[in-house]
Amino acid sequence: MGHEHRHRARSAGAAAAVAALLSASAFAQSPTFHVGRAPTAAELAAIDIDVTPDGRGLPSGSGTAAAGKTVYTNRCVTCHGPTGTEGPQDVLAGGQGTLKETPTSRPLKTVGSYWPYATTLWDYVRRAMPFDHPGTLTNDEVYSATAYVLFLNGLVGENDVLDKAALLRVKMPNRDGFVADPRPDVPPQKAPKKP
């Protein structure tokens, strides 16, 4: 009888603790504190900058690799080297064909060898580069820097204009190198629309 009583007491204590946590969480989220405010539409728009592989979210703008060379030289070369192959940070160019497994392979994951979508490169440059001042490039500078990195990988010409439509037409060498996630708890993803 004593064991059963302790078990009930322990269960009741656990239930009380869970109830306290849930009510504290609900209370902390309640608007009764009058601290802060809901963001404005402009504030939400400023942080709603995600770009998907199918190009949703790409803003207007354009650039060329020729213009991107200036952006790259001024903002990127310190970390990635003059040709995108030197580092000291991530190597951006080269490596095509190195991802195939062989007994002597040394895979080199670069934008040109690994990344599946050019839109992902554009999104990453916009959000995270340059490393010391992320998010400071204009849309045209992002298109230009993206064009330059793609040019370094032989994927676009130096004077090709890269804009939303052109970016979607860039076929990255490893686009088909990824497989679907087979885990049963991960819902299937729709493939991005073809440009």
Protein backbone atom coordinates (compact mmCIF):
# COMPACT_ATOMS: atom_id res chain seq x y z
CA MET A 1 0.00 0.00 0.00
CA GLY A 2 2.85 2.43 0.77
CA HIS A 3 4.40 1.87 -2.64
CA GLU A 4 1.10 2.57 -4.42
CA HIS A 5 0.64 5.76 -2.37
CA ARG A 6 4.13 6.99 -3.29
CA HIS A 7 3.48 6.20 -6.96
CA ARG A 8 0.23 8.20 -6.90
CA ALA A 9 1.93 11.09 -5.13
CA ARG A 10 4.79 11.04 -7.63
CA SER A 11 2.33 10.94 -10.57
CA ALA A 12 0.31 13.78 -9.09
CA GLY A 13 3.48 15.81 -8.57
CA ALA A 14 4.59 15.20 -12.16
CA ALA A 15 1.15 16.21 -13.46
CA ALA A 16 1.26 19.39 -11.38
CA ALA A 17 4.72 20.24 -12.71
CA VAL A 18 3.60 19.74 -16.32
CA ALA A 19 0.49 21.86 -15.70
CA ALA A 20 2.61 24.61 -14.13
CA LEU A 21 5.01 24.62 -17.08
CA LEU A 22 2.19 24.74 -19.61
CA SER A 23 0.37 27.54 -17.82
CA ALA A 24 3.62 29.51 -17.36
CA SER A 25 4.32 29.12 -21.07
CA ALA A 26 0.82 30.27 -22.00
CA PHE A 27 1.05 33.16 -19.52
CA ALA A 28 4.45 34.24 -20.88
CA GLN A 29 2.97 34.40 -24.35
CA SER A 30 -0.11 36.32 -23.33
CA PRO A 31 -0.42 39.96 -24.37
CA THR A 32 -1.16 41.15 -20.82
CA PHE A 33 2.38 42.40 -20.24
CA HIS A 34 2.06 45.11 -22.90
CA VAL A 35 5.72 44.74 -23.78
CA GLY A 36 6.67 45.11 -27.41
CA ARG A 37 4.34 45.26 -30.37
CA ALA A 38 3.42 43.33 -33.46
CA PRO A 39 5.84 44.05 -36.34
CA THR A 40 4.71 46.32 -39.14
CA ALA A 41 4.30 45.04 -42.68
CA ALA A 42 7.47 46.92 -43.66
CA GLU A 43 9.45 45.31 -40.83
CA LEU A 44 8.26 41.86 -41.86
CA ALA A 45 9.07 42.57 -45.51
CA ALA A 46 12.61 43.58 -44.54
CA ILE A 47 13.32 40.15 -43.05
CA ASP A 48 11.19 38.08 -45.44
CA ILE A 49 14.04 37.58 -47.88
CA ASP A 50 14.11 33.82 -48.43
CA VAL A 51 14.61 32.61 -51.97
CA THR A 52 13.56 29.09 -52.91
CA PRO A 53 15.17 26.84 -55.53
CA ASP A 54 12.33 27.58 -57.94
CA GLY A 55 13.07 31.31 -57.73
CA ARG A 56 10.21 32.38 -55.48
CA GLY A 57 11.42 35.37 -53.52
CA LEU A 58 13.99 36.58 -56.05
CA PRO A 59 13.76 40.35 -56.29
CA SER A 60 14.21 42.48 -59.36
CA GLY A 61 17.72 43.40 -60.36
CA SER A 62 20.45 42.17 -62.65
CA GLY A 63 24.18 41.88 -63.04
CA THR A 64 26.97 40.39 -65.11
CA ALA A 65 30.15 38.58 -64.23
CA ALA A 66 32.07 41.57 -65.61
CA ALA A 67 30.36 43.84 -63.05
CA GLY A 68 30.62 41.10 -60.43
CA LYS A 69 34.40 40.99 -60.72
CA THR A 70 34.52 44.47 -59.15
CA VAL A 71 32.16 43.43 -56.34
CA TYR A 72 34.16 40.24 -55.82
CA THR A 73 37.50 42.07 -55.81
CA ASN A 74 36.27 44.65 -53.31
CA ARG A 75 34.23 42.42 -51.01
CA CYS A 76 35.12 38.73 -51.47
CA VAL A 77 38.73 38.24 -52.53
CA THR A 78 40.16 38.47 -48.99
CA CYS A 79 38.35 35.31 -47.94
CA HIS A 80 38.05 33.38 -51.21
CA GLY A 81 41.15 34.39 -53.18
CA PRO A 82 41.51 36.08 -56.58
CA THR A 83 40.09 33.18 -58.59
CA GLY A 84 37.85 31.60 -55.95
CA THR A 85 40.20 28.64 -55.59
CA GLU A 86 42.76 29.92 -53.09
CA GLY A 87 40.83 30.47 -49.88
CA PRO A 88 41.67 30.83 -46.99
CA GLN A 89 37.91 30.36 -46.56
CA ASP A 90 35.68 28.14 -48.71
CA VAL A 91 36.87 27.41 -52.22
CA LEU A 92 34.17 28.61 -54.63
CA ALA A 93 35.32 27.38 -58.02
CA GLY A 94 36.47 24.12 -59.56
CA GLY A 95 35.91 20.61 -58.37
CA GLN A 96 33.53 19.49 -61.12
CA GLY A 97 33.61 15.72 -61.35
CA THR A 98 35.35 15.19 -58.00
CA LEU A 99 32.25 14.05 -56.12
CA LYS A 100 32.14 10.65 -57.81
CA GLU A 101 33.43 8.03 -55.41
CA THR A 102 36.58 6.24 -56.47
CA PRO A 103 39.30 4.62 -54.36
CA THR A 104 41.51 7.67 -54.84
CA SER A 105 38.87 10.40 -55.01
CA ARG A 106 39.28 13.63 -53.12
CA PRO A 107 35.91 15.36 -53.37
CA LEU A 108 36.07 19.14 -53.62
CA LYS A 109 32.72 20.68 -52.68
CA THR A 110 32.45 24.04 -54.39
CA VAL A 111 29.63 26.11 -55.82
CA GLY A 112 30.34 24.58 -59.21
CA SER A 113 30.70 20.98 -58.10
CA TYR A 114 28.23 20.60 -55.26
CA TRP A 115 25.51 23.25 -55.09
CA PRO A 116 22.32 22.09 -56.82
CA TYR A 117 20.69 25.46 -57.63
CA ALA A 118 22.01 28.86 -58.67
CA THR A 119 19.16 30.42 -56.71
CA THR A 120 20.62 28.93 -53.53
CA LEU A 121 23.91 30.69 -54.27
CA TRP A 122 22.06 33.99 -54.82
CA ASP A 123 20.16 33.55 -51.54
CA TYR A 124 23.33 32.70 -49.60
CA VAL A 125 25.28 35.66 -50.98
CA ARG A 126 22.40 37.99 -50.15
CA ARG A 127 21.98 36.73 -46.59
CA ALA A 128 25.50 35.92 -45.46
CA MET A 129 28.07 37.74 -47.56
CA PRO A 130 30.38 39.47 -47.25
CA PHE A 131 31.24 37.71 -44.04
CA ASP A 132 32.19 40.88 -42.17
CA HIS A 133 29.11 42.85 -43.35
CA PRO A 134 26.36 40.41 -44.37
CA GLY A 135 23.28 41.79 -46.04
CA THR A 136 24.95 45.00 -47.21
CA LEU A 137 25.06 44.23 -50.95
CA THR A 138 22.39 45.69 -53.20
CA ASN A 139 20.29 43.31 -55.29
CA ASP A 140 22.29 44.26 -58.39
CA GLU A 141 25.55 43.58 -56.53
CA VAL A 142 24.22 40.18 -55.43
CA TYR A 143 23.24 39.30 -59.01
CA SER A 144 26.67 40.49 -60.19
CA ALA A 145 28.64 38.61 -57.51
CA THR A 146 26.57 35.50 -58.18
CA ALA A 147 27.23 35.84 -61.90
CA TYR A 148 30.95 36.16 -61.22
CA VAL A 149 31.09 33.01 -59.07
CA LEU A 150 29.10 31.14 -61.72
CA PHE A 151 31.50 32.53 -64.36
CA LEU A 152 34.49 31.27 -62.34
CA ASN A 153 32.88 27.84 -62.57
CA GLY A 154 32.30 28.10 -66.33
CA LEU A 155 28.51 28.18 -65.96
CA VAL A 156 27.77 31.61 -67.44
CA GLY A 157 29.57 33.96 -69.78
CA GLU A 158 31.36 37.08 -68.59
CA ASN A 159 28.82 39.42 -70.19
CA ASP A 160 25.68 37.29 -69.76
CA VAL A 161 23.05 39.30 -67.92
CA LEU A 162 21.90 37.45 -64.84
CA ASP A 163 18.45 38.38 -63.58
CA LYS A 164 15.61 36.36 -62.08
CA ALA A 165 14.71 34.63 -65.36
CA ALA A 166 18.33 33.95 -66.37
CA LEU A 167 19.25 32.66 -62.91
CA LEU A 168 16.49 30.06 -63.14
CA ARG A 169 17.90 28.82 -66.46
CA VAL A 170 21.36 28.08 -64.99
CA LYS A 171 21.73 24.30 -64.73
CA MET A 172 24.15 23.50 -61.94
CA PRO A 173 26.35 20.44 -62.62
CA ASN A 174 25.22 18.64 -59.45
CA ARG A 175 21.50 19.44 -59.67
CA ASP A 176 20.64 15.76 -60.05
CA GLY A 177 23.28 14.59 -57.58
CA PHE A 178 20.98 14.65 -54.57
CA VAL A 179 18.57 11.93 -53.55
CA ALA A 180 15.23 12.17 -51.77
CA ASP A 181 15.27 11.78 -48.01
CA PRO A 182 14.04 8.21 -47.34
CA ARG A 183 13.18 8.72 -43.65
CA PRO A 184 9.54 7.90 -42.94
CA ASP A 185 9.12 10.97 -40.71
CA VAL A 186 10.11 13.38 -43.49
CA PRO A 187 7.28 14.24 -45.86
CA PRO A 188 8.07 14.13 -49.57
CA GLN A 189 9.05 17.46 -51.10
CA LYS A 190 7.75 18.64 -54.42
CA ALA A 191 10.50 19.13 -56.96
CA PRO A 192 11.00 22.79 -57.88
CA LYS A 193 9.29 23.87 -61.08
CA LYS A 194 11.43 23.76 -64.20
CA PRO A 195 12.16 27.25 -65.58
